[in-house]
Amino acid sequence: MKTSYLGHGLVAFASVAAFACASEGVGSDTGSAGAAAAIGGANGLGSGGVAPDGLTGGSTAVGGGPGLGGTVVGSGGVVVGSGGVVVGSGGVVVGSGGVVVGSGGVVVGSGGAPVGFGGDVVGSGGDVVGSGGDVVGSGGVVVGSGGDVVGSGGDVVGSGGDVVGFGGDTGIAGAGTGGDGTGGEGTGGSDAGPCPSSGTLTAGNNTMSLTVGGNEYPMIVHAPPSYDGTTRLPVVFDFHGLGGDETQMQFLSGWASLGDTEGFITVFPGGVDNAWNAGLCCSSTPTDVEFVRAAIDTLNSEACIDIRRVYASGCSNGGGMSFRLACEAADVIAAVAPVDFDCVVGAGCGECSPARPITEVQFRGTDDSMVPYEGSGAFSGAQNNLATWGDINQCTGSPAPLQQNSSCEAYPTCADGVQTILCTVQGGSHCGSYSSFSIAQVAWGIIQNYALP
């Protein structure tokens, strides 16, 4: 079925100093479905293995059996060592009185939470968690307020060890037999502390408005059906294109429905005069970045959000806005996923200087007539833009196709472990490939694995 989306105006400019107005055409969403998003581990071992589309990862743990040197291996793989010391899976030592001693001598109290000096709950990396907050364990493993463990790949491990969430690569991670199977990279820990008791956000669409520097910004804040204000959720900002608005973007991108199933909050802001100041395009409004910072602060007081996992996306001018946030707000934005635009923070993104390396996965259509894939005028083009971000993120080596999605290419190594990726949509039109390429799903499968330091 062919799905058409209402177009919106775009200022296509031929040089830094001169702009020419053009009208964006109607994007079509046709063609075969794109490769599935990177969602879950293929082998359940946390090794980042990849399963073919639609497959489920395998089990991991092995039951008990005779040990070496007289060590007794009990059912479920529990090892009973000399002196009656019980060694659990992963080498966890259970001492006298049932006190669990983890690696490095970390003492784990009742409920499985590591207990540090003074009784504070801490993770193996030393992160202190306040009362009522989420417990952050080794590598950013999060134990939610409901007792669900979020594994190293972002997989939620429920009671009985069943993996019910989503992690890194294609396919849902399978539960282990006698142990937990998780895949992908760690998502980092949630923001510590209790959620605001006076929060006003409810499940579904919430209409808000902020005034920053005399400029008014409307917002649609969409919370998933599972939202109850007690568990901190990630946030995705999705910015409309020039001439568009927040309602149109919610309909176009698919981020809201993905948030409903994946459990994150989506924010669809409206720009002043239906535009965003992305740098050299497409507005001179001076408060757009300040607005995003204010919106994050507002959400942190009115909703239960994971402030370390706030992301930005958007198409056309909105994609340029998400690039600008990567350049100027990397202290509050964890990763970005711009669509069908180049970074125009200075000519050729030459004035972009993020506070830290930041994961960016950009999506570009080869048949985009508004922001050409090969570049035109002040638009440097998709490959040049990727190379620029490779320099910004201090990447080494040459980009190569991702194993789980050959339409996307990434640098093998970038500073601080971030990713720098370009996904090319063959035959893709301007803002017309959200459904056919599963842009939101592919983007989420990558950016969800990154949190603020």
Protein backbone atom coordinates (compact mmCIF):
# COMPACT_ATOMS: atom_id res chain seq x y z
CA MET A 1 0.00 0.00 0.00
CA LYS A 2 1.28 3.45 -0.82
CA THR A 3 1.05 5.98 1.99
CA SER A 4 1.45 9.68 1.29
CA TYR A 5 2.34 12.33 3.82
CA LEU A 6 1.49 15.99 3.66
CA GLY A 7 4.57 17.94 2.62
CA HIS A 8 5.90 21.05 4.25
CA GLY A 9 7.90 24.01 2.98
CA LEU A 10 11.70 23.95 3.00
CA VAL A 11 14.14 26.76 2.48
CA ALA A 12 16.71 25.25 0.13
CA PHE A 13 19.74 27.45 0.09
CA ALA A 14 22.47 27.66 -2.49
CA SER A 15 25.12 29.31 -0.36
CA VAL A 16 25.77 30.42 3.19
CA ALA A 17 24.70 33.98 2.42
CA ALA A 18 21.89 33.45 -0.11
CA PHE A 19 18.71 31.44 0.33
CA ALA A 20 16.17 30.38 -2.29
CA CYS A 21 12.66 29.30 -1.33
CA ALA A 22 11.34 26.00 -2.64
CA SER A 23 8.27 23.94 -1.85
CA GLU A 24 8.81 20.40 -0.61
CA GLY A 25 6.93 17.74 -2.56
CA VAL A 26 4.73 15.05 -1.15
CA GLY A 27 6.89 12.15 0.07
CA SER A 28 5.75 8.65 -0.79
CA ASP A 29 6.24 5.70 1.49
CA THR A 30 6.57 2.70 -0.81
CA GLY A 31 8.78 -0.27 -1.38
CA SER A 32 9.61 -3.35 0.58
CA ALA A 33 10.01 -3.22 4.29
CA GLY A 34 13.46 -2.31 5.47
CA ALA A 35 15.66 -4.45 7.64
CA ALA A 36 14.33 -4.88 11.13
CA ALA A 37 15.57 -2.68 13.91
CA ALA A 38 18.43 -3.84 16.05
CA ILE A 39 16.43 -5.17 18.98
CA GLY A 40 17.69 -8.00 21.23
CA GLY A 41 20.58 -10.39 21.45
CA ALA A 42 20.98 -13.27 19.05
CA ASN A 43 22.72 -15.72 21.32
CA GLY A 44 21.68 -14.45 24.72
CA LEU A 45 25.28 -14.10 25.83
CA GLY A 46 25.61 -10.30 25.73
CA SER A 47 28.14 -10.73 22.96
CA GLY A 48 26.27 -8.55 20.50
CA GLY A 49 25.52 -11.47 18.19
CA VAL A 50 23.00 -10.97 15.45
CA ALA A 51 19.93 -13.07 14.70
CA PRO A 52 18.17 -12.98 11.33
CA ASP A 53 15.00 -10.95 11.17
CA GLY A 54 12.23 -12.47 13.24
CA LEU A 55 14.37 -15.02 15.00
CA THR A 56 14.56 -15.40 18.74
CA GLY A 57 17.82 -15.66 20.62
CA GLY A 58 18.79 -18.93 22.24
CA SER A 59 19.20 -20.01 25.83
CA THR A 60 22.46 -19.53 27.64
CA ALA A 61 22.89 -21.08 31.04
CA VAL A 62 23.62 -24.72 31.72
CA GLY A 63 22.36 -26.72 34.66
CA GLY A 64 24.44 -28.35 37.36
CA GLY A 65 26.81 -31.25 37.17
CA PRO A 66 29.87 -32.63 38.92
CA GLY A 67 32.56 -30.02 39.48
CA LEU A 68 36.31 -30.32 39.53
CA GLY A 69 38.47 -30.78 42.62
CA GLY A 70 35.62 -31.99 44.76
CA THR A 71 33.52 -28.88 44.17
CA VAL A 72 29.85 -29.75 44.21
CA VAL A 73 27.71 -28.26 41.45
CA GLY A 74 24.08 -28.09 42.49
CA SER A 75 20.93 -27.78 40.42
CA GLY A 76 20.71 -24.62 38.35
CA GLY A 77 24.50 -24.38 38.20
CA VAL A 78 25.02 -23.25 41.82
CA VAL A 79 28.53 -24.23 42.93
CA VAL A 80 29.15 -25.21 46.52
CA GLY A 81 32.85 -24.75 47.26
CA SER A 82 35.09 -25.89 50.10
CA GLY A 83 33.94 -24.94 53.58
CA GLY A 84 30.34 -24.81 52.41
CA VAL A 85 30.78 -21.46 50.63
CA VAL A 86 28.10 -21.20 47.98
CA VAL A 87 29.23 -19.75 44.68
CA GLY A 88 26.31 -18.63 42.49
CA SER A 89 26.15 -18.09 38.76
CA GLY A 90 28.73 -15.58 37.55
CA GLY A 91 30.97 -16.38 40.53
CA VAL A 92 28.86 -14.58 43.13
CA VAL A 93 29.91 -15.77 46.58
CA VAL A 94 27.28 -16.25 49.24
CA GLY A 95 28.95 -15.93 52.65
CA SER A 96 27.85 -16.83 56.16
CA GLY A 97 24.42 -15.60 57.17
CA GLY A 98 23.34 -15.49 53.54
CA VAL A 99 25.27 -12.28 52.81
CA VAL A 100 26.09 -12.17 49.12
CA VAL A 101 29.58 -10.95 48.28
CA GLY A 102 30.04 -9.83 44.66
CA SER A 103 33.17 -9.23 42.63
CA GLY A 104 35.64 -6.91 44.32
CA GLY A 105 34.21 -7.74 47.73
CA VAL A 106 31.03 -5.71 47.21
CA VAL A 107 28.51 -6.77 49.83
CA VAL A 108 25.00 -7.30 48.50
CA GLY A 109 22.18 -6.92 51.03
CA SER A 110 18.58 -8.06 51.02
CA GLY A 111 16.83 -7.64 47.67
CA GLY A 112 20.12 -8.04 45.81
CA ALA A 113 21.17 -4.40 46.13
CA PRO A 114 24.88 -3.78 46.78
CA VAL A 115 25.38 -1.98 50.08
CA GLY A 116 28.30 0.44 50.43
CA PHE A 117 29.71 2.37 53.36
CA GLY A 118 27.08 4.08 55.51
CA GLY A 119 24.36 1.84 54.14
CA ASP A 120 23.99 3.67 50.81
CA VAL A 121 22.89 1.50 47.92
CA VAL A 122 25.55 1.55 45.25
CA GLY A 123 26.41 -0.18 41.97
CA SER A 124 29.69 -1.97 41.33
CA GLY A 125 30.93 1.22 39.67
CA GLY A 126 30.15 3.20 42.81
CA ASP A 127 26.99 4.97 41.66
CA VAL A 128 24.97 5.98 44.72
CA VAL A 129 21.22 5.53 44.49
CA GLY A 130 18.91 7.49 46.78
CA SER A 131 15.85 6.19 48.58
CA GLY A 132 13.02 5.30 46.23
CA GLY A 133 15.37 5.40 43.23
CA ASP A 134 16.46 2.75 40.80
CA VAL A 135 19.41 0.57 41.73
CA VAL A 136 22.25 0.94 39.24
CA GLY A 137 24.51 -2.08 39.10
CA SER A 138 27.64 -3.06 37.23
CA GLY A 139 27.87 -1.58 33.74
CA GLY A 140 24.72 0.44 34.33
CA VAL A 141 22.43 -2.53 34.96
CA VAL A 142 19.21 -1.09 36.30
CA VAL A 143 16.91 -2.73 38.80
CA GLY A 144 13.58 -0.94 38.45
CA SER A 145 11.20 0.02 41.22
CA GLY A 146 9.01 -2.99 40.36
CA GLY A 147 11.92 -5.34 40.82
CA ASP A 148 12.42 -5.95 37.09
CA VAL A 149 16.07 -6.14 36.17
CA VAL A 150 17.18 -4.31 33.05
CA GLY A 151 20.07 -6.33 31.68
CA SER A 152 23.31 -5.33 30.02
CA GLY A 153 21.63 -4.92 26.64
CA GLY A 154 18.67 -3.05 28.00
CA ASP A 155 16.71 -6.30 28.27
CA VAL A 156 14.17 -6.50 31.07
CA VAL A 157 14.62 -9.70 33.01
CA GLY A 158 11.45 -10.55 34.89
CA SER A 159 10.84 -13.06 37.67
CA GLY A 160 12.13 -16.51 36.78
CA GLY A 161 14.86 -15.06 34.60
CA ASP A 162 12.72 -14.58 31.49
CA VAL A 163 13.95 -11.83 29.21
CA VAL A 164 10.98 -9.69 28.26
CA GLY A 165 12.52 -6.42 27.06
CA PHE A 166 14.64 -5.39 24.13
CA GLY A 167 18.38 -5.08 23.67
CA GLY A 168 20.81 -4.48 20.86
CA ASP A 169 20.43 -6.62 17.73
CA THR A 170 17.66 -8.08 15.57
CA GLY A 171 15.29 -10.47 17.31
CA ILE A 172 13.98 -10.64 20.86
CA ALA A 173 16.50 -12.09 23.28
CA GLY A 174 15.57 -15.55 24.52
CA ALA A 175 15.42 -16.55 28.17
CA GLY A 176 18.23 -18.79 29.46
CA THR A 177 17.71 -22.21 30.93
CA GLY A 178 18.78 -21.82 34.53
CA GLY A 179 20.09 -18.33 33.77
CA ASP A 180 19.37 -15.05 32.06
CA GLY A 181 20.11 -14.35 28.41
CA THR A 182 20.74 -10.76 27.41
CA GLY A 183 22.21 -9.13 24.33
CA GLY A 184 23.61 -5.85 23.11
CA GLU A 185 25.35 -3.07 24.97
CA GLY A 186 24.40 -1.57 28.31
CA THR A 187 22.01 1.32 28.42
CA GLY A 188 23.46 2.98 31.49
CA GLY A 189 21.73 3.61 34.77
CA SER A 190 18.59 5.60 35.44
CA ASP A 191 18.62 8.94 37.14
CA ALA A 192 18.73 8.42 40.89
CA GLY A 193 16.06 9.54 43.32
CA PRO A 194 12.31 9.28 43.58
CA CYS A 195 9.96 10.51 40.86
CA PRO A 196 8.11 13.78 41.53
CA SER A 197 5.00 13.13 43.58
CA SER A 198 3.34 16.22 42.10
CA GLY A 199 3.87 15.16 38.48
CA THR A 200 0.98 15.93 36.14
CA LEU A 201 1.85 13.81 33.11
CA THR A 202 -0.63 11.05 32.25
CA ALA A 203 -0.64 8.23 29.71
CA GLY A 204 -1.50 9.36 26.18
CA ASN A 205 -1.20 12.84 24.68
CA ASN A 206 -0.52 15.79 27.00
CA THR A 207 -0.61 19.30 25.53
CA MET A 208 1.88 21.76 27.02
CA SER A 209 3.35 25.14 26.17
CA LEU A 210 6.55 26.87 27.26
CA THR A 211 7.55 30.49 26.85
CA VAL A 212 11.29 31.04 26.55
CA GLY A 213 12.76 34.47 25.90
CA GLY A 214 9.34 35.75 24.88
CA ASN A 215 8.86 32.96 22.33
CA GLU A 216 6.05 30.44 22.81
CA TYR A 217 6.63 26.75 22.07
CA PRO A 218 3.71 24.29 22.01
CA MET A 219 4.43 20.64 22.79
CA ILE A 220 2.63 17.34 22.55
CA VAL A 221 4.09 15.06 25.22
CA HIS A 222 3.01 11.47 24.64
CA ALA A 223 3.38 8.90 27.43
CA PRO A 224 2.93 5.16 26.80
CA PRO A 225 -0.11 3.29 28.20
CA SER A 226 2.12 1.71 30.86
CA TYR A 227 3.13 5.08 32.30
CA ASP A 228 2.08 5.51 35.93
CA GLY A 229 4.59 8.07 37.17
CA THR A 230 6.59 5.61 39.28
CA THR A 231 9.23 4.31 36.85
CA ARG A 232 11.70 6.58 35.08
CA LEU A 233 11.34 6.38 31.29
CA PRO A 234 13.61 7.57 28.45
CA VAL A 235 12.48 10.53 26.32
CA VAL A 236 12.68 11.12 22.55
CA PHE A 237 12.24 14.64 21.13
CA ASP A 238 11.02 14.55 17.50
CA PHE A 239 11.27 17.86 15.59
CA HIS A 240 9.08 18.74 12.60
CA GLY A 241 10.32 20.16 9.30
CA LEU A 242 10.02 23.70 8.01
CA GLY A 243 6.35 24.62 7.69
CA GLY A 244 5.25 21.59 9.68
CA ASP A 245 3.98 21.36 13.22
CA GLU A 246 3.92 19.08 16.23
CA THR A 247 0.67 17.31 15.24
CA GLN A 248 1.93 16.51 11.75
CA MET A 249 5.20 15.12 13.09
CA GLN A 250 3.46 12.81 15.54
CA PHE A 251 1.45 11.38 12.64
CA LEU A 252 4.44 11.14 10.29
CA SER A 253 7.33 9.57 12.16
CA GLY A 254 5.94 6.60 14.11
CA TRP A 255 7.94 7.49 17.22
CA ALA A 256 4.83 7.75 19.43
CA SER A 257 3.53 4.26 18.61
CA LEU A 258 7.03 2.84 19.07
CA GLY A 259 7.21 4.53 22.46
CA ASP A 260 3.92 2.89 23.40
CA THR A 261 5.36 -0.59 22.84
CA GLU A 262 8.94 0.07 23.97
CA GLY A 263 8.07 2.14 27.02
CA PHE A 264 9.45 5.64 26.43
CA ILE A 265 8.00 9.16 26.34
CA THR A 266 7.88 11.10 23.05
CA VAL A 267 7.87 14.89 22.77
CA PHE A 268 6.70 16.65 19.62
CA PRO A 269 7.56 20.36 19.90
CA GLY A 270 6.34 23.18 17.67
CA GLY A 271 8.88 25.73 16.47
CA VAL A 272 8.39 29.50 16.34
CA ASP A 273 6.76 30.29 12.97
CA ASN A 274 6.87 26.56 12.21
CA ALA A 275 10.65 26.52 11.88
CA TRP A 276 13.81 25.66 13.80
CA ASN A 277 17.11 27.49 13.97
CA ALA A 278 19.41 24.69 12.85
CA GLY A 279 22.35 27.04 12.23
CA LEU A 280 22.46 28.26 8.65
CA CYS A 281 18.85 27.20 8.15
CA CYS A 282 15.91 27.80 8.57
CA SER A 283 15.15 30.41 11.24
CA SER A 284 16.93 33.09 13.24
CA THR A 285 15.03 32.41 16.47
CA PRO A 286 17.72 32.63 19.17
CA THR A 287 16.00 30.54 21.86
CA ASP A 288 15.48 27.11 20.27
CA VAL A 289 18.28 25.30 22.11
CA GLU A 290 17.37 27.14 25.32
CA PHE A 291 13.79 25.91 24.85
CA VAL A 292 14.89 22.26 24.66
CA ARG A 293 16.86 22.64 27.88
CA ALA A 294 13.82 24.23 29.54
CA ALA A 295 11.56 21.46 28.23
CA ILE A 296 13.82 18.80 29.75
CA ASP A 297 13.77 20.61 33.10
CA THR A 298 9.98 20.87 32.92
CA LEU A 299 9.58 17.18 32.15
CA ASN A 300 11.90 16.30 35.00
CA SER A 301 9.59 18.12 37.41
CA GLU A 302 6.26 17.15 35.84
CA ALA A 303 6.97 13.55 34.83
CA CYS A 304 9.02 10.52 35.76
CA ILE A 305 11.84 10.60 33.20
CA ASP A 306 15.31 9.15 32.98
CA ILE A 307 17.19 12.41 32.55
CA ARG A 308 20.33 10.57 31.40
CA ARG A 309 18.46 9.06 28.45
CA VAL A 310 16.97 11.97 26.51
CA TYR A 311 17.34 11.69 22.72
CA ALA A 312 16.63 13.90 19.69
CA SER A 313 15.40 13.13 16.19
CA GLY A 314 13.51 14.96 13.47
CA CYS A 315 13.21 15.25 9.70
CA SER A 316 14.32 17.95 7.29
CA ASN A 317 14.70 21.20 9.26
CA GLY A 318 13.91 19.12 12.36
CA GLY A 319 16.79 16.81 11.49
CA GLY A 320 19.02 19.85 11.32
CA MET A 321 17.76 20.89 14.74
CA SER A 322 18.71 17.52 16.22
CA PHE A 323 22.19 17.92 14.72
CA ARG A 324 22.44 21.34 16.38
CA LEU A 325 21.48 19.82 19.73
CA ALA A 326 24.28 17.28 19.29
CA CYS A 327 26.66 20.18 18.70
CA GLU A 328 25.44 22.49 21.48
CA ALA A 329 23.55 20.40 24.04
CA ALA A 330 25.45 17.12 24.34
CA ASP A 331 25.39 17.64 28.12
CA VAL A 332 21.61 16.98 28.15
CA ILE A 333 21.07 14.97 24.94
CA ALA A 334 22.39 11.40 25.01
CA ALA A 335 22.26 10.63 21.25
CA VAL A 336 20.65 11.91 18.05
CA ALA A 337 18.98 10.39 14.96
CA PRO A 338 18.56 13.11 12.29
CA VAL A 339 16.60 12.33 9.11
CA ASP A 340 17.11 13.83 5.63
CA PHE A 341 19.27 16.82 6.49
CA ASP A 342 22.92 17.81 6.84
CA CYS A 343 24.48 19.41 9.87
CA VAL A 344 24.53 23.14 9.10
CA VAL A 345 26.02 24.47 12.33
CA GLY A 346 28.42 26.57 10.31
CA ALA A 347 29.35 25.79 6.70
CA GLY A 348 29.84 22.05 6.41
CA CYS A 349 29.11 21.72 10.15
CA GLY A 350 32.38 23.59 10.70
CA GLU A 351 31.22 25.35 13.86
CA CYS A 352 30.04 22.20 15.64
CA SER A 353 31.96 21.54 18.85
CA PRO A 354 30.11 19.13 21.17
CA ALA A 355 30.94 18.99 24.86
CA ARG A 356 31.72 15.29 24.36
CA PRO A 357 31.61 12.65 21.62
CA ILE A 358 27.96 11.79 20.97
CA THR A 359 26.29 8.93 19.14
CA GLU A 360 24.60 10.02 15.92
CA VAL A 361 22.78 7.81 13.42
CA GLN A 362 21.58 9.72 10.38
CA PHE A 363 19.13 8.57 7.71
CA ARG A 364 19.31 9.80 4.12
CA GLY A 365 17.28 8.99 0.99
CA THR A 366 19.04 8.68 -2.35
CA ASP A 367 16.09 10.27 -4.22
CA ASP A 368 15.74 13.27 -1.91
CA SER A 369 15.21 16.31 -4.15
CA MET A 370 15.15 18.84 -1.30
CA VAL A 371 18.36 17.92 0.52
CA PRO A 372 20.23 15.88 -2.11
CA TYR A 373 22.10 12.80 -0.97
CA GLU A 374 25.12 13.88 -3.02
CA GLY A 375 24.98 17.43 -1.66
CA SER A 376 24.21 20.79 -3.22
CA GLY A 377 25.21 24.33 -2.30
CA ALA A 378 25.56 24.64 1.45
CA PHE A 379 24.44 21.02 1.91
CA SER A 380 27.61 18.94 1.99
CA GLY A 381 25.89 15.63 1.23
CA ALA A 382 25.36 12.44 3.19
CA GLN A 383 28.83 10.91 2.83
CA ASN A 384 30.63 14.18 3.54
CA ASN A 385 28.39 14.74 6.55
CA LEU A 386 29.26 11.26 7.83
CA ALA A 387 32.98 11.99 7.40
CA THR A 388 32.59 15.27 9.30
CA TRP A 389 30.96 13.47 12.22
CA GLY A 390 33.68 10.85 12.06
CA ASP A 391 36.14 13.69 12.73
CA ILE A 392 33.96 15.26 15.42
CA ASN A 393 33.64 11.93 17.25
CA GLN A 394 37.34 11.14 16.79
CA CYS A 395 36.62 7.93 14.90
CA THR A 396 39.25 5.68 13.36
CA GLY A 397 39.17 3.32 10.42
CA SER A 398 36.72 3.43 7.51
CA PRO A 399 32.94 3.08 7.71
CA ALA A 400 31.67 -0.43 7.03
CA PRO A 401 28.15 -1.94 6.77
CA LEU A 402 26.54 -3.01 10.01
CA GLN A 403 26.11 -6.74 10.32
CA GLN A 404 22.46 -6.42 11.36
CA ASN A 405 21.57 -3.88 8.65
CA SER A 406 23.76 -3.56 5.56
CA SER A 407 22.00 -0.31 4.56
CA CYS A 408 23.72 1.35 7.51
CA GLU A 409 27.47 1.97 7.67
CA ALA A 410 29.42 2.85 10.80
CA TYR A 411 32.95 3.71 11.84
CA PRO A 412 34.55 0.76 13.65
CA THR A 413 35.80 2.82 16.60
CA CYS A 414 34.94 6.27 17.94
CA ALA A 415 35.94 8.10 21.12
CA ASP A 416 34.20 7.09 24.35
CA GLY A 417 32.57 4.12 22.60
CA VAL A 418 29.98 6.23 20.73
CA GLN A 419 28.69 5.29 17.28
CA THR A 420 28.77 7.35 14.10
CA ILE A 421 26.40 5.87 11.52
CA LEU A 422 24.81 6.68 8.16
CA CYS A 423 21.79 4.66 7.00
CA THR A 424 21.12 5.04 3.29
CA VAL A 425 17.56 4.51 2.02
CA GLN A 426 17.79 3.50 -1.63
CA GLY A 427 15.11 5.38 -3.55
CA GLY A 428 14.07 7.23 -0.40
CA SER A 429 12.34 10.60 -0.79
CA HIS A 430 12.44 13.60 1.52
CA CYS A 431 10.84 12.55 4.82
CA GLY A 432 9.04 9.76 2.96
CA SER A 433 10.77 6.63 4.28
CA TYR A 434 9.71 6.41 7.92
CA SER A 435 7.52 3.34 7.43
CA SER A 436 9.24 1.58 4.53
CA PHE A 437 12.66 1.72 6.24
CA SER A 438 11.34 1.46 9.83
CA ILE A 439 13.39 4.54 10.69
CA ALA A 440 12.15 4.94 14.26
CA GLN A 441 12.71 1.25 15.02
CA VAL A 442 16.20 1.19 13.52
CA ALA A 443 17.16 4.41 15.29
CA TRP A 444 15.81 3.27 18.66
CA GLY A 445 17.63 -0.04 18.40
CA ILE A 446 20.88 1.95 18.36
CA ILE A 447 20.40 5.10 20.42
CA GLN A 448 18.66 3.38 23.34
CA ASN A 449 22.00 1.84 24.27
CA TYR A 450 23.57 5.22 25.10
CA ALA A 451 23.16 7.38 28.19
CA LEU A 452 24.82 10.56 29.42
CA PRO A 453 28.10 9.92 31.24
